[in-house]
N, C-alpha and C. Protein backbone atom coordinates (compact mmCIF):
# COMPACT_ATOMS: atom_id res chain seq x y z
N UNK A 1 47.68 25.36 81.97
CA UNK A 1 47.19 26.62 81.85
C UNK A 1 47.12 26.94 80.28
N UNK A 2 45.92 27.26 79.88
CA UNK A 2 45.80 27.60 78.51
C UNK A 2 44.71 28.72 78.29
N UNK A 3 45.01 29.72 77.45
CA UNK A 3 43.96 30.75 77.13
C UNK A 3 43.68 30.68 75.72
N UNK A 4 42.44 31.11 75.29
CA UNK A 4 42.09 31.07 73.91
C UNK A 4 41.41 32.33 73.52
N UNK A 5 41.74 32.76 72.33
CA UNK A 5 41.21 34.02 71.79
C UNK A 5 40.57 33.59 70.44
N UNK A 6 40.08 34.53 69.59
CA UNK A 6 39.44 34.19 68.37
C UNK A 6 40.47 33.45 67.37
N UNK A 7 41.69 33.84 67.49
CA UNK A 7 42.59 33.29 66.53
C UNK A 7 43.76 32.45 67.16
N UNK A 8 43.90 32.62 68.51
CA UNK A 8 45.04 32.06 69.16
C UNK A 8 44.78 31.11 70.31
N UNK A 9 45.73 30.16 70.48
CA UNK A 9 45.83 29.36 71.72
C UNK A 9 47.15 29.84 72.36
N UNK A 10 46.92 30.24 73.64
CA UNK A 10 48.08 30.67 74.46
C UNK A 10 48.26 29.59 75.59
N UNK A 11 49.34 28.89 75.41
CA UNK A 11 49.52 27.69 76.24
C UNK A 11 50.86 27.63 76.87
N UNK A 12 51.00 26.61 77.84
CA UNK A 12 52.27 26.39 78.41
C UNK A 12 53.36 26.00 77.40
N UNK A 13 54.43 26.42 77.52
CA UNK A 13 55.57 26.03 76.75
C UNK A 13 55.89 24.55 77.16
N UNK A 14 56.32 23.73 76.10
CA UNK A 14 56.59 22.36 76.25
C UNK A 14 58.06 22.18 75.81
N UNK A 15 58.70 21.22 76.34
CA UNK A 15 60.15 20.99 75.95
C UNK A 15 60.33 20.75 74.48
N UNK A 16 59.40 20.24 73.77
CA UNK A 16 59.49 20.09 72.42
C UNK A 16 59.32 21.40 71.57
N UNK A 17 59.04 22.49 72.13
CA UNK A 17 58.79 23.77 71.52
C UNK A 17 60.17 24.52 71.34
N UNK A 18 61.24 23.95 71.93
CA UNK A 18 62.46 24.84 71.82
C UNK A 18 63.03 25.20 70.43
N UNK A 19 62.74 24.19 69.45
CA UNK A 19 63.22 24.53 68.11
C UNK A 19 62.49 25.74 67.50
N UNK A 20 61.24 25.62 67.69
CA UNK A 20 60.35 26.76 67.12
C UNK A 20 60.56 28.08 67.79
N UNK A 21 60.89 28.00 69.13
CA UNK A 21 61.29 29.24 69.87
C UNK A 21 62.60 29.68 69.41
N UNK A 22 63.57 28.76 69.17
CA UNK A 22 64.79 29.23 68.78
C UNK A 22 64.88 29.86 67.47
N UNK A 23 63.96 29.56 66.51
CA UNK A 23 63.87 30.24 65.20
C UNK A 23 63.93 31.74 65.44
N UNK A 24 62.93 32.38 66.26
CA UNK A 24 62.99 33.77 66.35
C UNK A 24 63.92 34.33 67.54
N UNK A 25 64.26 33.62 68.58
CA UNK A 25 65.12 34.05 69.54
C UNK A 25 66.54 34.18 69.09
N UNK A 26 66.83 33.54 68.03
CA UNK A 26 68.19 33.59 67.43
C UNK A 26 68.40 34.69 66.35
N UNK A 27 67.38 35.50 66.10
CA UNK A 27 67.44 36.57 65.10
C UNK A 27 67.73 37.84 65.68
N UNK A 28 68.83 38.49 65.24
CA UNK A 28 69.19 39.84 65.74
C UNK A 28 68.07 40.95 65.63
N UNK A 29 67.31 40.81 64.52
CA UNK A 29 66.25 41.78 64.40
C UNK A 29 65.09 41.60 65.43
N UNK A 30 64.98 40.52 65.99
CA UNK A 30 64.09 40.27 67.13
C UNK A 30 64.61 40.66 68.37
N UNK A 31 65.85 40.38 68.61
CA UNK A 31 66.52 40.49 70.01
C UNK A 31 67.13 41.96 70.12
N UNK A 32 67.08 42.76 69.16
CA UNK A 32 67.61 44.10 69.33
C UNK A 32 67.16 45.01 70.45
N UNK A 33 65.94 44.65 70.81
CA UNK A 33 65.21 45.41 71.87
C UNK A 33 65.10 44.53 73.08
N UNK A 34 65.73 43.45 73.27
CA UNK A 34 65.59 42.57 74.42
C UNK A 34 66.88 42.51 75.27
N UNK A 35 66.84 42.06 76.48
CA UNK A 35 68.00 41.89 77.26
C UNK A 35 68.65 40.56 77.00
N UNK A 36 68.16 39.78 76.20
CA UNK A 36 68.77 38.50 75.86
C UNK A 36 68.88 38.31 74.29
N UNK A 37 69.68 37.43 73.99
CA UNK A 37 69.94 37.05 72.67
C UNK A 37 70.74 37.91 71.78
N UNK A 38 71.00 37.71 70.57
CA UNK A 38 70.45 36.60 69.92
C UNK A 38 70.91 35.17 70.60
N UNK A 39 69.92 34.28 70.68
CA UNK A 39 70.28 33.08 71.42
C UNK A 39 71.14 32.01 70.63
N UNK A 40 71.99 31.28 71.27
CA UNK A 40 72.46 30.00 70.73
C UNK A 40 71.51 28.93 71.05
N UNK A 41 71.61 27.81 70.46
CA UNK A 41 70.79 26.68 70.82
C UNK A 41 70.78 26.41 72.28
N UNK A 42 71.93 26.47 72.84
CA UNK A 42 72.13 26.22 74.34
C UNK A 42 71.32 27.28 75.21
N UNK A 43 71.35 28.47 74.70
CA UNK A 43 70.55 29.59 75.40
C UNK A 43 69.02 29.21 75.33
N UNK A 44 68.59 28.88 74.16
CA UNK A 44 67.23 28.61 74.02
C UNK A 44 66.77 27.28 74.77
N UNK A 45 67.61 26.32 74.75
CA UNK A 45 67.30 25.05 75.56
C UNK A 45 67.28 25.43 77.17
N UNK A 46 68.14 26.26 77.56
CA UNK A 46 68.30 26.69 78.92
C UNK A 46 66.98 27.52 79.32
N UNK A 47 66.56 28.43 78.43
CA UNK A 47 65.28 29.12 78.62
C UNK A 47 64.17 28.25 78.80
N UNK A 48 63.97 27.18 77.92
CA UNK A 48 62.82 26.34 78.01
C UNK A 48 62.86 25.44 79.42
N UNK A 49 64.09 25.10 79.72
CA UNK A 49 64.29 24.44 81.00
C UNK A 49 63.93 25.29 82.20
N UNK A 50 64.21 26.62 82.11
CA UNK A 50 63.84 27.58 83.11
C UNK A 50 62.33 27.58 83.21
N UNK A 51 61.66 27.73 82.08
CA UNK A 51 60.24 27.92 82.03
C UNK A 51 59.57 26.60 82.55
N UNK A 52 60.07 25.41 82.31
CA UNK A 52 59.53 24.20 82.76
C UNK A 52 59.62 24.16 84.27
N UNK A 53 60.76 24.62 84.76
CA UNK A 53 60.87 24.66 86.23
C UNK A 53 59.95 25.64 86.81
N UNK A 54 59.80 26.84 86.19
CA UNK A 54 58.87 27.95 86.73
C UNK A 54 57.32 27.30 86.69
N UNK A 55 57.06 26.47 85.81
CA UNK A 55 55.69 25.88 85.76
C UNK A 55 55.36 25.04 87.05
N UNK A 56 56.38 24.57 87.66
CA UNK A 56 56.29 23.71 88.85
C UNK A 56 56.26 24.42 90.22
N UNK A 57 56.57 25.70 90.14
CA UNK A 57 56.65 26.48 91.45
C UNK A 57 55.26 26.77 92.03
N UNK A 58 55.22 26.77 93.33
CA UNK A 58 54.00 26.97 94.14
C UNK A 58 54.31 28.08 95.26
N UNK A 59 53.60 29.07 95.39
CA UNK A 59 52.66 29.65 94.49
C UNK A 59 53.44 30.14 93.16
N UNK A 60 52.70 30.02 92.14
CA UNK A 60 53.26 30.36 90.79
C UNK A 60 53.06 31.86 90.63
N UNK A 61 54.18 32.50 90.32
CA UNK A 61 54.22 33.99 90.13
C UNK A 61 54.66 34.35 88.79
N UNK A 62 55.05 33.37 87.93
CA UNK A 62 55.49 33.65 86.52
C UNK A 62 55.00 32.75 85.58
N UNK A 63 54.67 33.25 84.44
CA UNK A 63 54.05 32.51 83.40
C UNK A 63 54.83 32.99 82.03
N UNK A 64 55.40 32.00 81.41
CA UNK A 64 56.00 32.17 80.00
C UNK A 64 55.15 31.27 79.14
N UNK A 65 54.58 31.76 78.13
CA UNK A 65 53.59 31.05 77.45
C UNK A 65 53.81 31.02 75.95
N UNK A 66 53.46 29.96 75.19
CA UNK A 66 53.62 29.90 73.74
C UNK A 66 52.31 30.55 73.05
N UNK A 67 52.59 31.33 72.12
CA UNK A 67 51.40 31.98 71.29
C UNK A 67 51.25 31.06 70.10
N UNK A 68 50.18 30.35 69.86
CA UNK A 68 50.01 29.42 68.76
C UNK A 68 48.76 29.76 68.04
N UNK A 69 48.80 29.50 66.66
CA UNK A 69 47.53 29.75 65.90
C UNK A 69 46.61 28.72 66.11
N UNK A 70 45.33 29.10 66.32
CA UNK A 70 44.21 28.13 66.71
C UNK A 70 44.10 27.22 65.49
N UNK A 71 44.20 27.74 64.27
CA UNK A 71 43.90 27.04 63.02
C UNK A 71 44.79 25.75 62.87
N UNK A 72 46.21 25.86 63.14
CA UNK A 72 46.93 24.74 62.92
C UNK A 72 47.98 24.47 64.03
N UNK A 73 48.03 25.23 65.09
CA UNK A 73 48.89 25.03 66.12
C UNK A 73 50.25 25.69 65.88
N UNK A 74 50.58 26.29 64.91
CA UNK A 74 51.89 26.88 64.69
C UNK A 74 52.22 27.81 65.83
N UNK A 75 53.42 27.64 66.40
CA UNK A 75 53.97 28.51 67.46
C UNK A 75 54.50 29.83 66.80
N UNK A 76 53.82 30.94 67.10
CA UNK A 76 54.33 32.24 66.49
C UNK A 76 55.24 33.04 67.38
N UNK A 77 55.26 32.87 68.67
CA UNK A 77 55.96 33.58 69.63
C UNK A 77 55.61 33.28 70.97
N UNK A 78 55.85 34.24 71.94
CA UNK A 78 55.79 33.95 73.27
C UNK A 78 55.23 35.21 74.06
N UNK A 79 54.45 35.04 75.09
CA UNK A 79 53.89 36.01 75.95
C UNK A 79 54.16 35.64 77.33
N UNK A 80 54.39 36.56 78.23
CA UNK A 80 54.68 36.30 79.71
C UNK A 80 54.05 37.28 80.59
N UNK A 81 53.77 36.83 81.83
CA UNK A 81 53.22 37.71 82.89
C UNK A 81 54.01 37.13 84.11
N UNK A 82 54.51 38.26 84.91
CA UNK A 82 55.24 37.94 86.13
C UNK A 82 54.76 38.82 87.31
N UNK A 83 54.15 38.25 88.31
CA UNK A 83 53.61 38.94 89.35
C UNK A 83 54.64 39.53 90.33
N UNK A 84 54.65 40.81 90.62
CA UNK A 84 55.60 41.53 91.44
C UNK A 84 54.76 42.08 92.70
N UNK A 85 55.22 41.82 93.86
CA UNK A 85 54.61 42.39 95.00
C UNK A 85 53.11 41.95 95.24
N UNK A 86 52.65 40.91 94.62
CA UNK A 86 51.31 40.46 94.75
C UNK A 86 50.17 41.41 94.22
N UNK A 87 50.58 42.65 93.86
CA UNK A 87 49.49 43.58 93.26
C UNK A 87 49.82 44.02 91.97
N UNK A 88 51.09 43.91 91.45
CA UNK A 88 51.56 44.37 90.28
C UNK A 88 51.98 43.12 89.51
N UNK A 89 51.84 43.27 88.12
CA UNK A 89 52.39 42.23 87.26
C UNK A 89 52.97 43.00 86.01
N UNK A 90 54.11 42.39 85.46
CA UNK A 90 54.65 42.89 84.22
C UNK A 90 54.40 41.86 83.11
N UNK A 91 54.00 42.44 81.94
CA UNK A 91 53.86 41.47 80.78
C UNK A 91 54.84 41.87 79.72
N UNK A 92 55.06 40.93 78.97
CA UNK A 92 55.97 41.03 77.72
C UNK A 92 55.51 40.11 76.58
N UNK A 93 56.08 40.33 75.46
CA UNK A 93 55.70 39.47 74.27
C UNK A 93 56.69 39.69 73.20
N UNK A 94 56.90 38.55 72.45
CA UNK A 94 57.74 38.52 71.31
C UNK A 94 57.26 37.61 70.30
N UNK A 95 57.38 38.08 69.06
CA UNK A 95 56.92 37.33 67.93
C UNK A 95 57.98 36.97 66.85
N UNK A 96 57.79 35.78 66.21
CA UNK A 96 58.63 35.62 64.96
C UNK A 96 58.26 36.65 64.04
N UNK A 97 59.14 37.35 63.34
CA UNK A 97 58.89 38.39 62.49
C UNK A 97 57.98 37.93 61.29
N UNK A 98 57.94 36.66 60.89
CA UNK A 98 56.95 36.20 59.81
C UNK A 98 55.56 36.41 60.29
N UNK A 99 55.23 36.56 61.55
CA UNK A 99 53.85 36.76 62.04
C UNK A 99 53.63 38.21 62.59
N UNK A 100 54.48 39.01 62.53
CA UNK A 100 54.36 40.48 63.07
C UNK A 100 53.45 41.16 62.06
N UNK A 101 52.67 42.16 62.64
CA UNK A 101 51.88 43.05 61.83
C UNK A 101 50.51 42.55 61.63
N UNK A 102 50.14 41.55 62.20
CA UNK A 102 48.85 40.93 62.06
C UNK A 102 47.89 41.08 63.29
N UNK A 103 48.46 41.76 64.32
CA UNK A 103 47.62 41.86 65.49
C UNK A 103 47.69 40.74 66.53
N UNK A 104 48.55 39.83 66.31
CA UNK A 104 48.70 38.63 67.17
C UNK A 104 49.28 39.02 68.55
N UNK A 105 50.25 39.92 68.53
CA UNK A 105 50.81 40.37 69.85
C UNK A 105 49.78 41.07 70.67
N UNK A 106 48.99 41.93 70.16
CA UNK A 106 47.92 42.65 70.89
C UNK A 106 46.91 41.67 71.37
N UNK A 107 46.48 40.68 70.57
CA UNK A 107 45.52 39.66 70.90
C UNK A 107 45.91 38.86 72.06
N UNK A 108 47.22 38.42 71.99
CA UNK A 108 47.78 37.59 73.09
C UNK A 108 47.96 38.44 74.31
N UNK A 109 48.49 39.61 74.19
CA UNK A 109 48.68 40.51 75.39
C UNK A 109 47.43 40.83 76.12
N UNK A 110 46.39 40.99 75.24
CA UNK A 110 45.06 41.37 75.78
C UNK A 110 44.50 40.10 76.63
N UNK A 111 44.70 38.98 76.03
CA UNK A 111 44.21 37.79 76.83
C UNK A 111 45.04 37.70 78.11
N UNK A 112 46.25 38.07 78.21
CA UNK A 112 47.14 37.98 79.33
C UNK A 112 46.51 38.97 80.42
N UNK A 113 46.20 40.26 80.01
CA UNK A 113 45.55 41.13 80.84
C UNK A 113 44.29 40.50 81.48
N UNK A 114 43.47 39.95 80.78
CA UNK A 114 42.25 39.23 81.41
C UNK A 114 42.74 38.19 82.52
N UNK A 115 43.77 37.45 82.12
CA UNK A 115 44.32 36.51 83.06
C UNK A 115 44.79 37.05 84.28
N UNK A 116 45.62 38.13 84.07
CA UNK A 116 46.22 38.76 85.25
C UNK A 116 45.27 39.37 86.17
N UNK A 117 44.19 40.07 85.58
CA UNK A 117 43.20 40.73 86.48
C UNK A 117 42.15 39.75 87.00
N UNK A 118 41.61 38.93 86.21
CA UNK A 118 40.56 38.04 86.63
C UNK A 118 40.90 36.69 87.23
N UNK A 119 42.11 36.18 87.00
CA UNK A 119 42.53 34.94 87.60
C UNK A 119 43.66 35.19 88.67
N UNK A 120 44.70 35.96 88.34
CA UNK A 120 45.71 36.32 89.30
C UNK A 120 45.32 37.29 90.36
N UNK A 121 44.34 38.04 89.96
CA UNK A 121 43.80 39.12 90.90
C UNK A 121 44.75 40.33 91.21
N UNK A 122 45.60 40.65 90.24
CA UNK A 122 46.45 41.86 90.40
C UNK A 122 45.69 43.01 90.27
N UNK A 123 46.30 44.20 90.73
CA UNK A 123 45.61 45.45 90.66
C UNK A 123 46.17 46.20 89.40
N UNK A 124 47.45 46.05 89.08
CA UNK A 124 48.03 46.90 88.04
C UNK A 124 48.90 46.03 87.17
N UNK A 125 48.77 46.17 85.89
CA UNK A 125 49.78 45.47 85.01
C UNK A 125 50.52 46.49 84.08
N UNK A 126 51.84 46.27 83.98
CA UNK A 126 52.63 47.18 83.27
C UNK A 126 53.52 46.42 82.26
N UNK A 127 54.02 47.25 81.31
CA UNK A 127 54.94 46.74 80.24
C UNK A 127 55.88 47.83 80.01
N UNK A 128 57.12 47.38 79.58
CA UNK A 128 58.14 48.37 79.12
C UNK A 128 58.74 47.99 77.77
N UNK A 129 59.16 49.04 77.11
CA UNK A 129 59.91 48.79 75.86
C UNK A 129 60.91 49.99 75.62
N UNK A 130 61.81 49.66 74.75
CA UNK A 130 62.82 50.72 74.37
C UNK A 130 62.01 51.83 73.69
N UNK A 131 62.50 53.13 73.87
CA UNK A 131 61.79 54.20 73.19
C UNK A 131 61.60 54.10 71.68
N UNK A 132 62.61 53.48 71.02
CA UNK A 132 62.55 53.28 69.60
C UNK A 132 61.81 52.05 69.05
N UNK A 133 61.18 51.29 69.94
CA UNK A 133 60.36 50.13 69.61
C UNK A 133 58.97 50.41 69.48
N UNK A 134 58.65 51.13 68.37
CA UNK A 134 57.26 51.73 68.16
C UNK A 134 56.29 50.57 68.01
N UNK A 135 56.58 49.43 67.42
CA UNK A 135 55.69 48.29 67.36
C UNK A 135 55.20 47.90 68.77
N UNK A 136 56.16 47.69 69.73
CA UNK A 136 55.85 47.27 71.01
C UNK A 136 54.84 48.32 71.71
N UNK A 137 55.28 49.64 71.54
CA UNK A 137 54.51 50.63 72.16
C UNK A 137 53.11 50.73 71.65
N UNK A 138 52.96 50.40 70.32
CA UNK A 138 51.68 50.37 69.72
C UNK A 138 50.80 49.20 70.25
N UNK A 139 51.37 48.16 70.62
CA UNK A 139 50.72 47.07 71.22
C UNK A 139 50.18 47.48 72.54
N UNK A 140 51.03 48.08 73.39
CA UNK A 140 50.55 48.62 74.68
C UNK A 140 49.32 49.64 74.64
N UNK A 141 49.44 50.53 73.59
CA UNK A 141 48.28 51.37 73.37
C UNK A 141 46.98 50.69 73.00
N UNK A 142 47.17 49.75 72.06
CA UNK A 142 46.03 49.08 71.57
C UNK A 142 45.27 48.17 72.63
N UNK A 143 46.06 47.74 73.61
CA UNK A 143 45.37 46.97 74.57
C UNK A 143 44.91 47.76 75.80
N UNK A 144 44.95 49.07 75.60
CA UNK A 144 44.34 50.02 76.71
C UNK A 144 45.31 50.45 77.64
N UNK A 145 46.59 50.21 77.53
CA UNK A 145 47.51 50.66 78.63
C UNK A 145 47.74 52.25 78.31
N UNK A 146 48.15 52.86 79.46
CA UNK A 146 48.43 54.35 79.35
C UNK A 146 49.91 54.53 79.60
N UNK A 147 50.42 55.43 78.87
CA UNK A 147 51.88 55.75 79.14
C UNK A 147 52.09 56.47 80.37
N UNK A 148 52.99 55.96 81.33
CA UNK A 148 53.32 56.52 82.51
C UNK A 148 54.49 57.46 82.40
N UNK A 149 55.49 57.20 81.59
CA UNK A 149 56.61 58.02 81.42
C UNK A 149 57.81 57.22 80.82
N UNK A 150 59.08 57.83 81.04
CA UNK A 150 60.32 57.32 80.59
C UNK A 150 61.17 56.99 81.75
N UNK A 151 61.75 55.81 81.84
CA UNK A 151 62.63 55.48 82.87
C UNK A 151 63.98 55.65 82.25
N UNK A 152 64.72 56.59 82.62
CA UNK A 152 66.00 57.07 82.01
C UNK A 152 67.14 56.17 82.53
N UNK A 153 67.85 55.50 81.52
CA UNK A 153 68.95 54.74 81.79
C UNK A 153 68.89 53.84 83.03
N UNK A 154 67.75 53.29 83.24
CA UNK A 154 67.52 52.38 84.34
C UNK A 154 68.05 50.97 84.05
N UNK A 155 68.41 50.61 82.88
CA UNK A 155 68.68 49.24 82.62
C UNK A 155 69.94 49.15 81.97
N UNK A 156 70.94 48.39 82.52
CA UNK A 156 72.36 48.15 81.94
C UNK A 156 72.22 46.79 81.26
N UNK A 157 72.43 46.78 80.03
CA UNK A 157 72.47 45.40 79.34
C UNK A 157 73.15 45.54 78.00
N UNK A 158 73.75 44.45 77.53
CA UNK A 158 74.44 44.59 76.25
C UNK A 158 75.43 45.68 76.11
N UNK A 159 76.10 45.92 77.36
CA UNK A 159 77.20 46.85 77.41
C UNK A 159 76.94 48.36 77.56
N UNK A 160 75.70 48.68 77.71
CA UNK A 160 75.34 50.21 77.83
C UNK A 160 74.05 50.33 78.64
N UNK A 161 73.85 51.60 79.02
CA UNK A 161 72.60 51.90 79.82
C UNK A 161 71.50 52.27 78.72
N UNK A 162 70.29 51.77 79.11
CA UNK A 162 69.04 52.05 78.27
C UNK A 162 68.01 52.58 78.85
N UNK A 163 67.19 53.40 78.19
CA UNK A 163 65.89 53.90 78.72
C UNK A 163 64.82 53.00 78.41
N UNK A 164 63.68 53.13 79.04
CA UNK A 164 62.52 52.36 78.71
C UNK A 164 61.32 53.29 78.81
N UNK A 165 60.34 53.00 78.08
CA UNK A 165 59.02 53.70 78.04
C UNK A 165 58.23 52.63 78.93
N UNK A 166 57.34 53.22 79.81
CA UNK A 166 56.53 52.34 80.66
C UNK A 166 55.10 52.64 80.45
N UNK A 167 54.30 51.70 80.26
CA UNK A 167 52.87 51.83 80.14
C UNK A 167 52.19 50.82 81.24
N UNK A 168 50.96 51.26 81.58
CA UNK A 168 50.19 50.31 82.52
C UNK A 168 48.70 50.44 82.26
N UNK A 169 48.06 49.52 82.94
CA UNK A 169 46.63 49.64 83.04
C UNK A 169 46.13 49.06 84.39
N UNK A 170 45.19 49.70 85.00
CA UNK A 170 44.69 49.26 86.24
C UNK A 170 43.50 48.38 86.15
N UNK A 171 43.17 47.49 87.12
CA UNK A 171 42.11 46.62 86.99
C UNK A 171 40.79 47.37 86.84
N UNK A 172 40.55 48.46 87.35
CA UNK A 172 39.19 49.29 87.11
C UNK A 172 39.23 49.68 85.72
N UNK A 173 40.35 50.20 85.14
CA UNK A 173 40.24 50.58 83.71
C UNK A 173 40.08 49.49 82.76
N UNK A 174 40.73 48.27 83.11
CA UNK A 174 40.47 47.06 82.26
C UNK A 174 38.97 46.75 82.28
N UNK A 175 38.38 46.66 83.53
CA UNK A 175 36.99 46.23 83.67
C UNK A 175 36.03 47.23 82.95
N UNK A 176 36.39 48.54 82.97
CA UNK A 176 35.57 49.58 82.28
C UNK A 176 35.62 49.34 80.78
N UNK A 177 36.87 49.05 80.27
CA UNK A 177 36.97 48.83 78.82
C UNK A 177 36.36 47.59 78.41
N UNK A 178 36.36 46.55 79.17
CA UNK A 178 35.66 45.17 78.90
C UNK A 178 34.11 45.57 78.86
N UNK A 179 33.70 46.31 79.74
CA UNK A 179 32.06 46.62 79.89
C UNK A 179 31.86 47.41 78.62
N UNK A 180 32.57 48.33 78.24
CA UNK A 180 32.32 49.17 77.00
C UNK A 180 32.36 48.31 75.85
N UNK A 181 33.29 47.42 75.64
CA UNK A 181 33.23 46.49 74.50
C UNK A 181 32.03 45.61 74.48
N UNK A 182 31.59 44.95 75.58
CA UNK A 182 30.43 44.20 75.65
C UNK A 182 29.19 44.85 75.39
N UNK A 183 29.04 46.19 75.79
CA UNK A 183 27.84 46.82 75.54
C UNK A 183 27.73 47.37 74.03
N UNK A 184 28.81 47.40 73.39
CA UNK A 184 28.82 47.70 72.00
C UNK A 184 28.55 46.55 71.04
N UNK A 185 28.68 45.36 71.60
CA UNK A 185 28.45 44.13 70.80
C UNK A 185 27.03 43.75 70.62
């Protein structure tokens, strides 16, 4: 499975990717908003093994993918989509800080919306972030998601309860946005 955008290749994670993935998954500044990490090498290798096993499941309901520069293949981060209840899917994304602020997360997440609606056939795609993770919230807004609300202390991780902001987009909204973009071109 592979998706392509103007600047990116979004592809299956390979066993040999673990070192590039470990670079950013071991960084406290990256993992401060995640339920995992900072990763040890063992953690990252286990994650890659988990992803490789997920790639073999039938029917496949989870995709964890590498975000790579089209120009030279550099692995920048990861993006994932997981189908819930056959009609909903959750997306997430993470980037190496060296590549943040260039629109790569939004570009990859937008491609994943197209995959979710057009290939997986889901009705609704949502994403969550911590309320103080404004960069992630901006990605959700940029790809056309609408804020649904605040999930109060719904998640216990790293020793305490945490809130999440939740955004979503429906297949009809996505189709309308795509139509609007295509008619402006």
